[in-house]
């Protein structure tokens, strides 16, 4: 019997732009960063005794971190399920930019897959409390989200 983990399926969802970003990072790490690290290792080896060479140790550590990230990116790209916003559906969905208003502040959030989430860029995961509350809602709807400071009410004013 095969069990499907809903969380794993949800975390594979990605927008077209998000997939391109992952692919670009993969390309940069496999070509550019690998070459930089190889050069740093070569230079460190030329300095002689590797057992006490801090530059060599740092480069090898950076190499291990880079290879781990490449492996993770490979899996993310391979398992990605691109979700495109349905232009015929006016409700909030992955790929939507949703404008909400609280008491006297306005915020614009873009709903993205969890791998793309970036609070600094106002990109929120479809799995986050706000993302979950917004999915399927329309302009004029209100949502309530539990935050550390208490429940916050958002009024949806626009969806693009």
C-alpha atoms as a PDB file:
ATOM      1  CA  UNK A   1       0.000   0.000   0.000  1.00  0.00           C
ATOM      2  CA  UNK A   2       1.352   3.419  -0.996  1.00  0.00           C
ATOM      3  CA  UNK A   3       0.488   6.386   1.172  1.00  0.00           C
ATOM      4  CA  UNK A   4       0.553   9.888  -0.268  1.00  0.00           C
ATOM      5  CA  UNK A   5       1.830  12.584   2.017  1.00  0.00           C
ATOM      6  CA  UNK A   6      -0.206  15.715   1.237  1.00  0.00           C
ATOM      7  CA  UNK A   7       2.532  17.937   2.700  1.00  0.00           C
ATOM      8  CA  UNK A   8       5.088  16.540   0.204  1.00  0.00           C
ATOM      9  CA  UNK A   9       2.755  17.146  -2.742  1.00  0.00           C
ATOM     10  CA  UNK A  10       2.023  20.697  -1.581  1.00  0.00           C
ATOM     11  CA  UNK A  11       5.709  21.517  -1.150  1.00  0.00           C
ATOM     12  CA  UNK A  12       6.360  20.518  -4.788  1.00  0.00           C
ATOM     13  CA  UNK A  13       4.026  23.195  -6.124  1.00  0.00           C
ATOM     14  CA  UNK A  14       5.896  26.005  -7.811  1.00  0.00           C
ATOM     15  CA  UNK A  15       5.079  28.874 -10.156  1.00  0.00           C
ATOM     16  CA  UNK A  16       6.720  29.065 -13.580  1.00  0.00           C
ATOM     17  CA  UNK A  17       8.891  31.930 -12.330  1.00  0.00           C
ATOM     18  CA  UNK A  18       9.829  29.934  -9.243  1.00  0.00           C
ATOM     19  CA  UNK A  19      10.949  26.980 -11.352  1.00  0.00           C
ATOM     20  CA  UNK A  20      13.049  29.287 -13.523  1.00  0.00           C
ATOM     21  CA  UNK A  21      14.675  30.699 -10.395  1.00  0.00           C
ATOM     22  CA  UNK A  22      15.528  27.186  -9.169  1.00  0.00           C
ATOM     23  CA  UNK A  23      16.934  26.256 -12.581  1.00  0.00           C
ATOM     24  CA  UNK A  24      19.046  29.442 -12.694  1.00  0.00           C
ATOM     25  CA  UNK A  25      20.456  28.772  -9.222  1.00  0.00           C
ATOM     26  CA  UNK A  26      21.218  25.175 -10.229  1.00  0.00           C
ATOM     27  CA  UNK A  27      23.037  26.364 -13.355  1.00  0.00           C
ATOM     28  CA  UNK A  28      25.016  28.985 -11.412  1.00  0.00           C
ATOM     29  CA  UNK A  29      26.060  26.489  -8.734  1.00  0.00           C
ATOM     30  CA  UNK A  30      27.001  23.700 -11.147  1.00  0.00           C
ATOM     31  CA  UNK A  31      28.984  25.937 -13.470  1.00  0.00           C
ATOM     32  CA  UNK A  32      30.115  29.137 -11.747  1.00  0.00           C
ATOM     33  CA  UNK A  33      30.339  28.236  -8.068  1.00  0.00           C
ATOM     34  CA  UNK A  34      31.883  24.815  -8.711  1.00  0.00           C
ATOM     35  CA  UNK A  35      34.615  26.448 -10.804  1.00  0.00           C
ATOM     36  CA  UNK A  36      35.285  29.126  -8.161  1.00  0.00           C
ATOM     37  CA  UNK A  37      35.633  26.452  -5.482  1.00  0.00           C
ATOM     38  CA  UNK A  38      37.864  24.278  -7.688  1.00  0.00           C
ATOM     39  CA  UNK A  39      40.154  27.281  -8.233  1.00  0.00           C
ATOM     40  CA  UNK A  40      40.254  28.012  -4.497  1.00  0.00           C
ATOM     41  CA  UNK A  41      41.132  24.367  -3.717  1.00  0.00           C
ATOM     42  CA  UNK A  42      43.854  24.377  -6.383  1.00  0.00           C
ATOM     43  CA  UNK A  43      45.382  27.586  -4.978  1.00  0.00           C
ATOM     44  CA  UNK A  44      45.237  26.209  -1.425  1.00  0.00           C
ATOM     45  CA  UNK A  45      46.947  22.961  -2.516  1.00  0.00           C
ATOM     46  CA  UNK A  46      49.747  24.976  -4.096  1.00  0.00           C
ATOM     47  CA  UNK A  47      50.493  26.497  -0.673  1.00  0.00           C
ATOM     48  CA  UNK A  48      51.776  23.158   0.580  1.00  0.00           C
ATOM     49  CA  UNK A  49      50.829  21.312   3.802  1.00  0.00           C
ATOM     50  CA  UNK A  50      47.047  20.754   3.670  1.00  0.00           C
ATOM     51  CA  UNK A  51      46.727  19.590   7.285  1.00  0.00           C
ATOM     52  CA  UNK A  52      47.169  23.130   8.605  1.00  0.00           C
ATOM     53  CA  UNK A  53      45.810  25.047   5.623  1.00  0.00           C
ATOM     54  CA  UNK A  54      42.744  27.069   6.634  1.00  0.00           C
ATOM     55  CA  UNK A  55      42.022  28.155   3.061  1.00  0.00           C
ATOM     56  CA  UNK A  56      41.936  24.527   1.926  1.00  0.00           C
ATOM     57  CA  UNK A  57      39.609  23.514   4.777  1.00  0.00           C
ATOM     58  CA  UNK A  58      37.297  26.458   4.087  1.00  0.00           C
ATOM     59  CA  UNK A  59      37.176  25.670   0.364  1.00  0.00           C
ATOM     60  CA  UNK A  60      36.425  21.989   1.022  1.00  0.00           C
ATOM     61  CA  UNK A  61      33.644  22.984   3.433  1.00  0.00           C
ATOM     62  CA  UNK A  62      32.197  25.394   0.865  1.00  0.00           C
ATOM     63  CA  UNK A  63      32.419  22.617  -1.728  1.00  0.00           C
ATOM     64  CA  UNK A  64      30.433  20.238   0.495  1.00  0.00           C
ATOM     65  CA  UNK A  65      27.766  22.895   1.134  1.00  0.00           C
ATOM     66  CA  UNK A  66      27.514  23.709  -2.572  1.00  0.00           C
ATOM     67  CA  UNK A  67      27.185  20.045  -3.554  1.00  0.00           C
ATOM     68  CA  UNK A  68      24.480  19.522  -0.919  1.00  0.00           C
ATOM     69  CA  UNK A  69      22.534  22.499  -2.297  1.00  0.00           C
ATOM     70  CA  UNK A  70      22.964  21.211  -5.874  1.00  0.00           C
ATOM     71  CA  UNK A  71      21.555  17.844  -4.812  1.00  0.00           C
ATOM     72  CA  UNK A  72      18.594  19.551  -3.133  1.00  0.00           C
ATOM     73  CA  UNK A  73      17.968  21.784  -6.166  1.00  0.00           C
ATOM     74  CA  UNK A  74      18.096  18.761  -8.477  1.00  0.00           C
ATOM     75  CA  UNK A  75      15.415  17.014  -6.429  1.00  0.00           C
ATOM     76  CA  UNK A  76      13.273  20.157  -6.201  1.00  0.00           C
ATOM     77  CA  UNK A  77      13.421  20.693  -9.973  1.00  0.00           C
ATOM     78  CA  UNK A  78      12.754  17.033 -10.740  1.00  0.00           C
ATOM     79  CA  UNK A  79       9.748  16.864  -8.402  1.00  0.00           C
ATOM     80  CA  UNK A  80       8.366  20.348  -9.149  1.00  0.00           C
ATOM     81  CA  UNK A  81       4.777  20.613 -10.236  1.00  0.00           C
ATOM     82  CA  UNK A  82       4.304  23.914 -12.047  1.00  0.00           C
ATOM     83  CA  UNK A  83       1.044  25.592 -11.139  1.00  0.00           C
ATOM     84  CA  UNK A  84      -0.244  28.327 -13.390  1.00  0.00           C
ATOM     85  CA  UNK A  85      -2.832  30.795 -12.284  1.00  0.00           C
ATOM     86  CA  UNK A  86      -6.219  30.077 -13.858  1.00  0.00           C
ATOM     87  CA  UNK A  87      -7.084  33.389 -15.539  1.00  0.00           C
ATOM     88  CA  UNK A  88     -10.771  32.392 -15.674  1.00  0.00           C
ATOM     89  CA  UNK A  89     -10.914  32.063 -11.894  1.00  0.00           C
ATOM     90  CA  UNK A  90     -10.988  35.422 -10.104  1.00  0.00           C
ATOM     91  CA  UNK A  91     -10.390  33.881  -6.667  1.00  0.00           C
ATOM     92  CA  UNK A  92      -7.028  33.876  -4.896  1.00  0.00           C
ATOM     93  CA  UNK A  93      -4.779  30.987  -5.924  1.00  0.00           C
ATOM     94  CA  UNK A  94      -1.115  30.155  -6.290  1.00  0.00           C
ATOM     95  CA  UNK A  95       0.340  32.833  -8.540  1.00  0.00           C
ATOM     96  CA  UNK A  96      -2.149  35.490  -7.413  1.00  0.00           C
ATOM     97  CA  UNK A  97      -1.160  38.875  -6.053  1.00  0.00           C
ATOM     98  CA  UNK A  98      -3.676  39.666  -3.364  1.00  0.00           C
ATOM     99  CA  UNK A  99      -4.167  43.135  -1.919  1.00  0.00           C
ATOM    100  CA  UNK A 100      -5.510  43.096   1.616  1.00  0.00           C
ATOM    101  CA  UNK A 101      -6.322  45.804   4.101  1.00  0.00           C
ATOM    102  CA  UNK A 102      -6.118  45.713   7.867  1.00  0.00           C
ATOM    103  CA  UNK A 103      -7.452  48.563   9.983  1.00  0.00           C
ATOM    104  CA  UNK A 104      -5.495  51.285   8.180  1.00  0.00           C
ATOM    105  CA  UNK A 105      -2.695  49.430   6.395  1.00  0.00           C
ATOM    106  CA  UNK A 106      -2.640  47.887   2.957  1.00  0.00           C
ATOM    107  CA  UNK A 107      -0.469  44.894   2.006  1.00  0.00           C
ATOM    108  CA  UNK A 108       0.102  43.050  -1.261  1.00  0.00           C
ATOM    109  CA  UNK A 109       0.976  39.369  -0.987  1.00  0.00           C
ATOM    110  CA  UNK A 110       1.889  36.999  -3.797  1.00  0.00           C
ATOM    111  CA  UNK A 111       0.824  33.421  -3.092  1.00  0.00           C
ATOM    112  CA  UNK A 112       3.541  30.967  -4.135  1.00  0.00           C
ATOM    113  CA  UNK A 113       4.607  27.389  -3.424  1.00  0.00           C
ATOM    114  CA  UNK A 114       6.499  26.799  -0.184  1.00  0.00           C
ATOM    115  CA  UNK A 115       9.871  26.534  -1.956  1.00  0.00           C
ATOM    116  CA  UNK A 116       9.451  30.074  -3.296  1.00  0.00           C
ATOM    117  CA  UNK A 117       8.258  31.777  -0.129  1.00  0.00           C
ATOM    118  CA  UNK A 118      10.133  34.967   0.743  1.00  0.00           C
ATOM    119  CA  UNK A 119       8.523  37.175   3.388  1.00  0.00           C
ATOM    120  CA  UNK A 120      10.924  40.016   2.551  1.00  0.00           C
ATOM    121  CA  UNK A 121       9.522  40.042  -0.996  1.00  0.00           C
ATOM    122  CA  UNK A 122       5.937  39.586   0.275  1.00  0.00           C
ATOM    123  CA  UNK A 123       5.820  36.133  -1.328  1.00  0.00           C
ATOM    124  CA  UNK A 124       3.839  33.920   1.008  1.00  0.00           C
ATOM    125  CA  UNK A 125       3.520  30.171   0.879  1.00  0.00           C
ATOM    126  CA  UNK A 126       0.216  28.566   0.039  1.00  0.00           C
ATOM    127  CA  UNK A 127       0.896  26.483   3.173  1.00  0.00           C
ATOM    128  CA  UNK A 128       1.300  29.477   5.505  1.00  0.00           C
ATOM    129  CA  UNK A 129      -1.627  30.531   7.687  1.00  0.00           C
ATOM    130  CA  UNK A 130      -2.292  33.635   5.557  1.00  0.00           C
ATOM    131  CA  UNK A 131      -1.810  31.705   2.299  1.00  0.00           C
ATOM    132  CA  UNK A 132      -4.195  28.956   3.396  1.00  0.00           C
ATOM    133  CA  UNK A 133      -6.778  31.518   4.458  1.00  0.00           C
ATOM    134  CA  UNK A 134      -6.545  33.437   1.155  1.00  0.00           C
ATOM    135  CA  UNK A 135      -6.756  30.471  -1.249  1.00  0.00           C
ATOM    136  CA  UNK A 136     -10.192  30.361  -2.869  1.00  0.00           C
ATOM    137  CA  UNK A 137     -11.330  33.722  -1.516  1.00  0.00           C
ATOM    138  CA  UNK A 138     -12.634  36.595  -3.653  1.00  0.00           C
ATOM    139  CA  UNK A 139     -12.465  40.390  -3.626  1.00  0.00           C
ATOM    140  CA  UNK A 140     -14.715  41.633  -0.832  1.00  0.00           C
ATOM    141  CA  UNK A 141     -14.138  38.582   1.360  1.00  0.00           C
ATOM    142  CA  UNK A 142     -12.639  38.913   4.809  1.00  0.00           C
ATOM    143  CA  UNK A 143     -10.296  36.444   6.454  1.00  0.00           C
ATOM    144  CA  UNK A 144      -9.020  36.061   9.983  1.00  0.00           C
ATOM    145  CA  UNK A 145      -5.550  34.740  10.673  1.00  0.00           C
ATOM    146  CA  UNK A 146      -4.102  33.807  14.027  1.00  0.00           C
ATOM    147  CA  UNK A 147      -0.833  35.653  14.617  1.00  0.00           C
ATOM    148  CA  UNK A 148       1.449  35.744  17.656  1.00  0.00           C
ATOM    149  CA  UNK A 149      -0.134  39.059  18.632  1.00  0.00           C
ATOM    150  CA  UNK A 150      -3.654  37.656  18.265  1.00  0.00           C
ATOM    151  CA  UNK A 151      -6.192  37.305  15.483  1.00  0.00           C
ATOM    152  CA  UNK A 152      -5.691  39.658  12.536  1.00  0.00           C
ATOM    153  CA  UNK A 153      -8.557  40.463  10.184  1.00  0.00           C
ATOM    154  CA  UNK A 154      -7.793  41.126   6.514  1.00  0.00           C
ATOM    155  CA  UNK A 155     -10.238  42.481   3.935  1.00  0.00           C
ATOM    156  CA  UNK A 156      -9.435  41.448   0.367  1.00  0.00           C
ATOM    157  CA  UNK A 157      -9.511  44.517  -1.856  1.00  0.00           C
ATOM    158  CA  UNK A 158      -7.923  43.233  -5.100  1.00  0.00           C
ATOM    159  CA  UNK A 159      -6.684  40.031  -6.736  1.00  0.00           C
ATOM    160  CA  UNK A 160      -4.433  40.016  -9.790  1.00  0.00           C
END
